[in-house]
PDB file of N, CA and C in Angstrom:
ATOM      1  N   ASP A   1      87.172 -17.665  81.822  1.00  0.00           N
ATOM      2  CA  ASP A   1      86.059 -18.060  82.634  1.00  0.00           C
ATOM      3  C   ASP A   1      84.805 -18.255  81.698  1.00  0.00           C
ATOM      4  N   CYS A   2      84.922 -18.252  80.421  1.00  0.00           N
ATOM      5  CA  CYS A   2      83.790 -18.249  79.606  1.00  0.00           C
ATOM      6  C   CYS A   2      83.666 -19.712  79.008  1.00  0.00           C
ATOM      7  N   SER A   3      82.590 -20.294  78.905  1.00  0.00           N
ATOM      8  CA  SER A   3      82.348 -21.547  78.401  1.00  0.00           C
ATOM      9  C   SER A   3      82.426 -21.692  76.868  1.00  0.00           C
ATOM     10  N   ASP A   4      82.154 -20.588  76.180  1.00  0.00           N
ATOM     11  CA  ASP A   4      82.098 -20.659  74.774  1.00  0.00           C
ATOM     12  C   ASP A   4      83.543 -20.355  74.269  1.00  0.00           C
ATOM     13  N   ARG A   5      84.542 -20.104  75.025  1.00  0.00           N
ATOM     14  CA  ARG A   5      85.925 -19.760  74.807  1.00  0.00           C
ATOM     15  C   ARG A   5      86.098 -18.781  73.617  1.00  0.00           C
ATOM     16  N   VAL A   6      85.230 -17.887  73.403  1.00  0.00           N
ATOM     17  CA  VAL A   6      85.440 -16.956  72.436  1.00  0.00           C
ATOM     18  C   VAL A   6      85.490 -15.597  73.172  1.00  0.00           C
ATOM     19  N   ILE A   7      86.528 -14.897  72.935  1.00  0.00           N
ATOM     20  CA  ILE A   7      86.672 -13.460  73.553  1.00  0.00           C
ATOM     21  C   ILE A   7      86.582 -12.377  72.408  1.00  0.00           C
ATOM     22  N   LEU A   8      85.721 -11.461  72.672  1.00  0.00           N
ATOM     23  CA  LEU A   8      85.600 -10.352  71.757  1.00  0.00           C
ATOM     24  C   LEU A   8      86.215  -9.140  72.470  1.00  0.00           C
ATOM     25  N   TYR A   9      86.998  -8.431  71.630  1.00  0.00           N
ATOM     26  CA  TYR A   9      87.693  -7.043  72.083  1.00  0.00           C
ATOM     27  C   TYR A   9      87.029  -5.890  71.390  1.00  0.00           C
ATOM     28  N   SER A  10      86.965  -4.834  72.282  1.00  0.00           N
ATOM     29  CA  SER A  10      86.475  -3.583  71.598  1.00  0.00           C
ATOM     30  C   SER A  10      87.179  -2.345  72.354  1.00  0.00           C
ATOM     31  N   LEU A  11      87.155  -1.160  71.603  1.00  0.00           N
ATOM     32  CA  LEU A  11      87.731  -0.043  72.259  1.00  0.00           C
ATOM     33  C   LEU A  11      86.743   0.827  72.771  1.00  0.00           C
ATOM     34  N   ILE A  12      87.089   1.309  73.943  1.00  0.00           N
ATOM     35  CA  ILE A  12      86.218   2.235  74.772  1.00  0.00           C
ATOM     36  C   ILE A  12      86.960   3.602  74.796  1.00  0.00           C
ATOM     37  N   THR A  13      86.352   4.674  74.175  1.00  0.00           N
ATOM     38  CA  THR A  13      86.941   5.962  74.160  1.00  0.00           C
ATOM     39  C   THR A  13      85.901   6.901  74.038  1.00  0.00           C
ATOM     40  N   ASP A  14      86.216   8.063  74.610  1.00  0.00           N
ATOM     41  CA  ASP A  14      85.200   9.197  74.478  1.00  0.00           C
ATOM     42  C   ASP A  14      85.164  10.018  73.184  1.00  0.00           C
ATOM     43  N   GLN A  15      86.277   9.614  72.294  1.00  0.00           N
ATOM     44  CA  GLN A  15      86.399  10.349  70.999  1.00  0.00           C
ATOM     45  C   GLN A  15      85.439   9.460  69.998  1.00  0.00           C
ATOM     46  N   PRO A  16      84.989  10.333  69.027  1.00  0.00           N
ATOM     47  CA  PRO A  16      84.268   9.782  68.022  1.00  0.00           C
ATOM     48  C   PRO A  16      85.121   8.856  67.268  1.00  0.00           C
ATOM     49  N   PHE A  17      84.519   7.631  66.853  1.00  0.00           N
ATOM     50  CA  PHE A  17      85.430   6.531  66.188  1.00  0.00           C
ATOM     51  C   PHE A  17      85.805   7.013  64.899  1.00  0.00           C
ATOM     52  N   ASP A  18      85.052   7.841  64.131  1.00  0.00           N
ATOM     53  CA  ASP A  18      85.446   8.369  62.783  1.00  0.00           C
ATOM     54  C   ASP A  18      86.861   9.180  62.750  1.00  0.00           C
ATOM     55  N   VAL A  19      87.169   9.724  64.020  1.00  0.00           N
ATOM     56  CA  VAL A  19      88.340  10.560  64.149  1.00  0.00           C
ATOM     57  C   VAL A  19      89.317   9.833  65.041  1.00  0.00           C
ATOM     58  N   PHE A  20      89.065   8.876  65.764  1.00  0.00           N
ATOM     59  CA  PHE A  20      89.886   8.235  66.618  1.00  0.00           C
ATOM     60  C   PHE A  20      90.904   7.430  65.773  1.00  0.00           C
ATOM     61  N   PRO A  21      92.197   7.578  65.952  1.00  0.00           N
ATOM     62  CA  PRO A  21      93.244   7.097  65.240  1.00  0.00           C
ATOM     63  C   PRO A  21      93.554   5.637  65.237  1.00  0.00           C
ATOM     64  N   PHE A  22      92.893   4.842  66.142  1.00  0.00           N
ATOM     65  CA  PHE A  22      93.199   3.318  66.388  1.00  0.00           C
ATOM     66  C   PHE A  22      91.862   2.522  66.098  1.00  0.00           C
ATOM     67  N   GLU A  23      92.167   1.210  65.792  1.00  0.00           N
ATOM     68  CA  GLU A  23      91.101   0.348  65.631  1.00  0.00           C
ATOM     69  C   GLU A  23      91.628  -0.948  66.301  1.00  0.00           C
ATOM     70  N   ILE A  24      90.614  -1.947  66.698  1.00  0.00           N
ATOM     71  CA  ILE A  24      90.993  -3.077  67.262  1.00  0.00           C
ATOM     72  C   ILE A  24      90.408  -4.230  66.421  1.00  0.00           C
ATOM     73  N   GLU A  25      91.126  -5.434  66.297  1.00  0.00           N
ATOM     74  CA  GLU A  25      90.827  -6.634  65.737  1.00  0.00           C
ATOM     75  C   GLU A  25      89.837  -7.292  66.752  1.00  0.00           C
ATOM     76  N   ARG A  26      88.672  -7.537  66.449  1.00  0.00           N
ATOM     77  CA  ARG A  26      87.709  -7.992  67.579  1.00  0.00           C
ATOM     78  C   ARG A  26      88.025  -9.315  68.067  1.00  0.00           C
ATOM     79  N   PHE A  27      88.608 -10.272  67.376  1.00  0.00           N
ATOM     80  CA  PHE A  27      88.864 -11.591  67.697  1.00  0.00           C
ATOM     81  C   PHE A  27      90.277 -11.830  68.345  1.00  0.00           C
ATOM     82  N   THR A  28      91.266 -11.008  67.944  1.00  0.00           N
ATOM     83  CA  THR A  28      92.538 -11.225  68.431  1.00  0.00           C
ATOM     84  C   THR A  28      93.031  -9.941  69.578  1.00  0.00           C
ATOM     85  N   GLY A  29      92.459  -8.870  69.544  1.00  0.00           N
ATOM     86  CA  GLY A  29      92.758  -7.789  70.398  1.00  0.00           C
ATOM     87  C   GLY A  29      93.926  -7.024  69.903  1.00  0.00           C
ATOM     88  N   ALA A  30      94.299  -7.371  68.704  1.00  0.00           N
ATOM     89  CA  ALA A  30      95.440  -6.446  68.108  1.00  0.00           C
ATOM     90  C   ALA A  30      94.961  -5.133  67.853  1.00  0.00           C
ATOM     91  N   ILE A  31      95.701  -4.049  68.188  1.00  0.00           N
ATOM     92  CA  ILE A  31      95.420  -2.636  68.113  1.00  0.00           C
ATOM     93  C   ILE A  31      96.301  -2.066  66.934  1.00  0.00           C
ATOM     94  N   PHE A  32      95.522  -1.462  65.938  1.00  0.00           N
ATOM     95  CA  PHE A  32      96.195  -0.926  64.729  1.00  0.00           C
ATOM     96  C   PHE A  32      96.069   0.554  64.686  1.00  0.00           C
ATOM     97  N   VAL A  33      97.042   1.350  64.156  1.00  0.00           N
ATOM     98  CA  VAL A  33      96.926   2.660  63.845  1.00  0.00           C
ATOM     99  C   VAL A  33      96.232   2.802  62.424  1.00  0.00           C
ATOM    100  N   LYS A  34      95.063   3.566  62.490  1.00  0.00           N
ATOM    101  CA  LYS A  34      94.409   3.668  61.041  1.00  0.00           C
ATOM    102  C   LYS A  34      94.516   5.069  60.491  1.00  0.00           C
ATOM    103  N   SER A  35      95.247   5.967  61.150  1.00  0.00           N
ATOM    104  CA  SER A  35      95.417   7.459  60.615  1.00  0.00           C
ATOM    105  C   SER A  35      96.746   7.855  61.067  1.00  0.00           C
ATOM    106  N   THR A  36      97.214   8.992  60.445  1.00  0.00           N
ATOM    107  CA  THR A  36      98.524   9.442  60.869  1.00  0.00           C
ATOM    108  C   THR A  36      98.493  10.087  62.298  1.00  0.00           C
ATOM    109  N   LEU A  37      99.545   9.755  62.988  1.00  0.00           N
ATOM    110  CA  LEU A  37      99.636  10.393  64.359  1.00  0.00           C
ATOM    111  C   LEU A  37     100.596  11.560  64.310  1.00  0.00           C
ATOM    112  N   ASP A  38     100.451  12.546  64.970  1.00  0.00           N
ATOM    113  CA  ASP A  38     101.113  13.779  64.975  1.00  0.00           C
ATOM    114  C   ASP A  38     101.414  14.185  66.463  1.00  0.00           C
ATOM    115  N   PHE A  39     102.716  14.100  66.854  1.00  0.00           N
ATOM    116  CA  PHE A  39     103.059  14.372  68.243  1.00  0.00           C
ATOM    117  C   PHE A  39     102.792  15.915  68.680  1.00  0.00           C
ATOM    118  N   GLU A  40     102.873  16.709  67.685  1.00  0.00           N
ATOM    119  CA  GLU A  40     102.573  18.035  67.906  1.00  0.00           C
ATOM    120  C   GLU A  40     100.981  18.297  68.314  1.00  0.00           C
ATOM    121  N   LYS A  41     100.184  17.505  67.707  1.00  0.00           N
ATOM    122  CA  LYS A  41      98.732  17.619  68.044  1.00  0.00           C
ATOM    123  C   LYS A  41      98.285  16.816  69.230  1.00  0.00           C
ATOM    124  N   VAL A  42      98.754  15.662  69.333  1.00  0.00           N
ATOM    125  CA  VAL A  42      98.455  14.691  70.613  1.00  0.00           C
ATOM    126  C   VAL A  42      99.562  13.888  70.865  1.00  0.00           C
ATOM    127  N   SER A  43     100.188  13.961  72.005  1.00  0.00           N
ATOM    128  CA  SER A  43     101.414  13.078  72.312  1.00  0.00           C
ATOM    129  C   SER A  43     101.112  11.867  72.972  1.00  0.00           C
ATOM    130  N   THR A  44      99.917  11.852  73.766  1.00  0.00           N
ATOM    131  CA  THR A  44      99.592  10.697  74.457  1.00  0.00           C
ATOM    132  C   THR A  44      98.051  10.311  74.237  1.00  0.00           C
ATOM    133  N   TYR A  45      97.666   9.104  73.987  1.00  0.00           N
ATOM    134  CA  TYR A  45      96.245   8.631  73.930  1.00  0.00           C
ATOM    135  C   TYR A  45      96.059   7.624  74.983  1.00  0.00           C
ATOM    136  N   ARG A  46      94.931   7.903  75.597  1.00  0.00           N
ATOM    137  CA  ARG A  46      94.384   6.930  76.684  1.00  0.00           C
ATOM    138  C   ARG A  46      93.091   6.516  76.255  1.00  0.00           C
ATOM    139  N   PHE A  47      92.894   5.222  76.419  1.00  0.00           N
ATOM    140  CA  PHE A  47      91.632   4.511  76.335  1.00  0.00           C
ATOM    141  C   PHE A  47      91.389   3.336  76.784  1.00  0.00           C
ATOM    142  N   SER A  48      90.405   2.547  76.698  1.00  0.00           N
ATOM    143  CA  SER A  48      90.302   1.157  77.320  1.00  0.00           C
ATOM    144  C   SER A  48      89.913   0.220  76.328  1.00  0.00           C
ATOM    145  N   VAL A  49      90.258  -0.995  76.663  1.00  0.00           N
ATOM    146  CA  VAL A  49      89.932  -2.197  75.731  1.00  0.00           C
ATOM    147  C   VAL A  49      88.926  -3.138  76.640  1.00  0.00           C
ATOM    148  N   LYS A  50      87.972  -3.413  76.095  1.00  0.00           N
ATOM    149  CA  LYS A  50      86.934  -4.194  76.755  1.00  0.00           C
ATOM    150  C   LYS A  50      87.124  -5.636  76.033  1.00  0.00           C
ATOM    151  N   ALA A  51      87.253  -6.582  77.026  1.00  0.00           N
ATOM    152  CA  ALA A  51      87.362  -8.008  76.556  1.00  0.00           C
ATOM    153  C   ALA A  51      86.182  -8.724  77.236  1.00  0.00           C
ATOM    154  N   SER A  52      85.262  -9.275  76.371  1.00  0.00           N
ATOM    155  CA  SER A  52      84.118 -10.060  76.878  1.00  0.00           C
ATOM    156  C   SER A  52      83.943 -11.286  76.137  1.00  0.00           C
ATOM    157  N   ASN A  53      83.036 -12.160  76.747  1.00  0.00           N
ATOM    158  CA  ASN A  53      82.791 -13.458  76.078  1.00  0.00           C
ATOM    159  C   ASN A  53      81.609 -13.276  75.127  1.00  0.00           C
ATOM    160  N   LEU A  54      81.364 -14.192  74.262  1.00  0.00           N
ATOM    161  CA  LEU A  54      80.496 -14.026  73.184  1.00  0.00           C
ATOM    162  C   LEU A  54      79.095 -13.408  73.532  1.00  0.00           C
ATOM    163  N   ASP A  55      78.559 -13.917  74.534  1.00  0.00           N
ATOM    164  CA  ASP A  55      77.300 -13.295  74.920  1.00  0.00           C
ATOM    165  C   ASP A  55      77.364 -12.026  75.824  1.00  0.00           C
ATOM    166  N   GLN A  56      78.569 -11.577  76.043  1.00  0.00           N
ATOM    167  CA  GLN A  56      78.839 -10.314  76.763  1.00  0.00           C
ATOM    168  C   GLN A  56      78.277 -10.346  78.169  1.00  0.00           C
ATOM    169  N   ILE A  57      78.187 -11.491  78.794  1.00  0.00           N
ATOM    170  CA  ILE A  57      77.661 -11.545  80.150  1.00  0.00           C
ATOM    171  C   ILE A  57      78.975 -11.203  81.045  1.00  0.00           C
ATOM    172  N   THR A  58      80.077 -11.694  80.719  1.00  0.00           N
ATOM    173  CA  THR A  58      81.418 -11.668  81.446  1.00  0.00           C
ATOM    174  C   THR A  58      82.297 -10.717  80.590  1.00  0.00           C
ATOM    175  N   SER A  59      82.683  -9.710  81.294  1.00  0.00           N
ATOM    176  CA  SER A  59      83.689  -8.733  80.629  1.00  0.00           C
ATOM    177  C   SER A  59      84.728  -8.030  81.617  1.00  0.00           C
ATOM    178  N   ASN A  60      85.758  -7.569  81.048  1.00  0.00           N
ATOM    179  CA  ASN A  60      86.643  -6.859  81.823  1.00  0.00           C
ATOM    180  C   ASN A  60      87.332  -5.745  80.973  1.00  0.00           C
ATOM    181  N   PHE A  61      87.753  -4.758  81.630  1.00  0.00           N
ATOM    182  CA  PHE A  61      88.443  -3.542  81.056  1.00  0.00           C
ATOM    183  C   PHE A  61      89.871  -3.501  81.363  1.00  0.00           C
ATOM    184  N   VAL A  62      90.739  -2.964  80.336  1.00  0.00           N
ATOM    185  CA  VAL A  62      92.107  -2.793  80.468  1.00  0.00           C
ATOM    186  C   VAL A  62      92.323  -1.427  80.083  1.00  0.00           C
ATOM    187  N   PRO A  63      93.145  -0.620  80.890  1.00  0.00           N
ATOM    188  CA  PRO A  63      93.445   0.715  80.362  1.00  0.00           C
ATOM    189  C   PRO A  63      94.596   0.697  79.394  1.00  0.00           C
ATOM    190  N   VAL A  64      94.585   1.502  78.392  1.00  0.00           N
ATOM    191  CA  VAL A  64      95.809   1.570  77.489  1.00  0.00           C
ATOM    192  C   VAL A  64      96.251   2.887  77.317  1.00  0.00           C
ATOM    193  N   ARG A  65      97.716   3.006  77.277  1.00  0.00           N
ATOM    194  CA  ARG A  65      98.154   4.393  77.066  1.00  0.00           C
ATOM    195  C   ARG A  65      99.233   4.230  76.006  1.00  0.00           C
ATOM    196  N   ILE A  66      99.102   5.073  74.986  1.00  0.00           N
ATOM    197  CA  ILE A  66     100.018   5.059  73.859  1.00  0.00           C
ATOM    198  C   ILE A  66     100.746   6.440  73.768  1.00  0.00           C
ATOM    199  N   ASP A  67     101.944   6.462  73.790  1.00  0.00           N
ATOM    200  CA  ASP A  67     102.804   7.701  73.789  1.00  0.00           C
ATOM    201  C   ASP A  67     103.434   7.747  72.356  1.00  0.00           C
ATOM    202  N   VAL A  68     103.108   9.004  71.661  1.00  0.00           N
ATOM    203  CA  VAL A  68     103.545   9.073  70.367  1.00  0.00           C
ATOM    204  C   VAL A  68     104.983   9.741  70.556  1.00  0.00           C
ATOM    205  N   ILE A  69     105.953   9.221  69.643  1.00  0.00           N
ATOM    206  CA  ILE A  69     107.344   9.651  69.794  1.00  0.00           C
ATOM    207  C   ILE A  69     107.411  10.867  68.707  1.00  0.00           C
ATOM    208  N   ASP A  70     108.128  11.857  69.215  1.00  0.00           N
ATOM    209  CA  ASP A  70     108.317  13.021  68.234  1.00  0.00           C
ATOM    210  C   ASP A  70     109.367  12.595  67.225  1.00  0.00           C
ATOM    211  N   VAL A  71     109.059  13.008  65.942  1.00  0.00           N
ATOM    212  CA  VAL A  71     110.044  12.674  64.972  1.00  0.00           C
ATOM    213  C   VAL A  71     110.171  13.969  64.182  1.00  0.00           C
ATOM    214  N   ASN A  72     111.408  14.319  63.853  1.00  0.00           N
ATOM    215  CA  ASN A  72     111.564  15.535  62.931  1.00  0.00           C
ATOM    216  C   ASN A  72     110.967  15.464  61.591  1.00  0.00           C
ATOM    217  N   ASP A  73     109.977  16.220  61.435  1.00  0.00           N
ATOM    218  CA  ASP A  73     109.232  16.274  60.108  1.00  0.00           C
ATOM    219  C   ASP A  73     109.749  17.296  59.314  1.00  0.00           C
ATOM    220  N   ASN A  74     110.724  17.960  59.569  1.00  0.00           N
ATOM    221  CA  ASN A  74     111.370  19.017  58.606  1.00  0.00           C
ATOM    222  C   ASN A  74     112.508  18.444  57.973  1.00  0.00           C
ATOM    223  N   SER A  75     112.641  18.887  56.768  1.00  0.00           N
ATOM    224  CA  SER A  75     113.903  18.379  56.000  1.00  0.00           C
ATOM    225  C   SER A  75     115.037  18.913  56.576  1.00  0.00           C
ATOM    226  N   PRO A  76     116.130  18.245  56.588  1.00  0.00           N
ATOM    227  CA  PRO A  76     117.414  18.777  57.157  1.00  0.00           C
ATOM    228  C   PRO A  76     118.096  19.822  56.339  1.00  0.00           C
ATOM    229  N   LEU A  77     118.561  20.816  57.020  1.00  0.00           N
ATOM    230  CA  LEU A  77     119.226  21.961  56.325  1.00  0.00           C
ATOM    231  C   LEU A  77     120.686  21.917  56.821  1.00  0.00           C
ATOM    232  N   ILE A  78     121.473  21.808  55.675  1.00  0.00           N
ATOM    233  CA  ILE A  78     122.995  21.715  55.993  1.00  0.00           C
ATOM    234  C   ILE A  78     123.605  22.884  55.296  1.00  0.00           C
ATOM    235  N   GLN A  79     124.322  23.598  56.136  1.00  0.00           N
ATOM    236  CA  GLN A  79     125.101  24.804  55.625  1.00  0.00           C
ATOM    237  C   GLN A  79     126.547  24.563  55.632  1.00  0.00           C
ATOM    238  N   MET A  80     127.175  24.547  54.572  1.00  0.00           N
ATOM    239  CA  MET A  80     128.656  24.247  54.569  1.00  0.00           C
ATOM    240  C   MET A  80     129.510  25.453  54.235  1.00  0.00           C
ATOM    241  N   ASN A  81     130.484  25.701  54.960  1.00  0.00           N
ATOM    242  CA  ASN A  81     131.576  26.886  54.703  1.00  0.00           C
ATOM    243  C   ASN A  81     132.643  26.289  54.127  1.00  0.00           C
ATOM    244  N   LEU A  82     132.980  26.472  52.900  1.00  0.00           N
ATOM    245  CA  LEU A  82     134.228  25.958  52.331  1.00  0.00           C
ATOM    246  C   LEU A  82     135.221  27.114  52.228  1.00  0.00           C
ATOM    247  N   LEU A  83     136.399  26.844  52.496  1.00  0.00           N
ATOM    248  CA  LEU A  83     137.561  27.762  52.466  1.00  0.00           C
ATOM    249  C   LEU A  83     138.173  27.739  51.056  1.00  0.00           C
ATOM    250  N   ASN A  84     137.995  28.837  50.405  1.00  0.00           N
ATOM    251  CA  ASN A  84     138.552  28.839  49.085  1.00  0.00           C
ATOM    252  C   ASN A  84     140.097  28.867  49.099  1.00  0.00           C
ATOM    253  N   GLU A  85     140.625  29.387  50.116  1.00  0.00           N
ATOM    254  CA  GLU A  85     142.108  29.342  50.144  1.00  0.00           C
ATOM    255  C   GLU A  85     142.745  28.005  50.414  1.00  0.00           C
ATOM    256  N   TYR A  86     141.909  27.034  50.823  1.00  0.00           N
ATOM    257  CA  TYR A  86     142.514  25.797  51.155  1.00  0.00           C
ATOM    258  C   TYR A  86     142.829  25.009  50.000  1.00  0.00           C
ATOM    259  N   LYS A  87     144.106  24.580  49.948  1.00  0.00           N
ATOM    260  CA  LYS A  87     144.489  23.648  48.876  1.00  0.00           C
ATOM    261  C   LYS A  87     145.323  22.675  49.254  1.00  0.00           C
ATOM    262  N   ALA A  88     145.048  21.451  48.760  1.00  0.00           N
ATOM    263  CA  ALA A  88     145.946  20.337  49.304  1.00  0.00           C
ATOM    264  C   ALA A  88     147.231  20.478  48.648  1.00  0.00           C
ATOM    265  N   THR A  89     148.347  20.169  49.416  1.00  0.00           N
ATOM    266  CA  THR A  89     149.653  20.200  49.039  1.00  0.00           C
ATOM    267  C   THR A  89     150.181  18.740  48.923  1.00  0.00           C
ATOM    268  N   ASN A  90     150.982  18.578  47.843  1.00  0.00           N
ATOM    269  CA  ASN A  90     151.402  17.180  47.571  1.00  0.00           C
ATOM    270  C   ASN A  90     152.803  17.052  48.059  1.00  0.00           C
TER     271      ASN A  90
END
């Protein structure tokens, strides 16, 4: 609905942007991760994206939810029990 056909995107969050782990490309709306995510600290992020025309008279908000998947961050530990008595027979 905008005559200038330029849409600007911005993030709306209650967290300070210097610690918020996401950023948005203002002309495409692509959301990027800018710092490491840790499931044990925060498993779900909720924020909004504001899309507005160039003069910001017309705008709309879209809620965004990002779920962080838990990944095993510990090195695997393998314990093997070998039988000394086992011998292959020919």
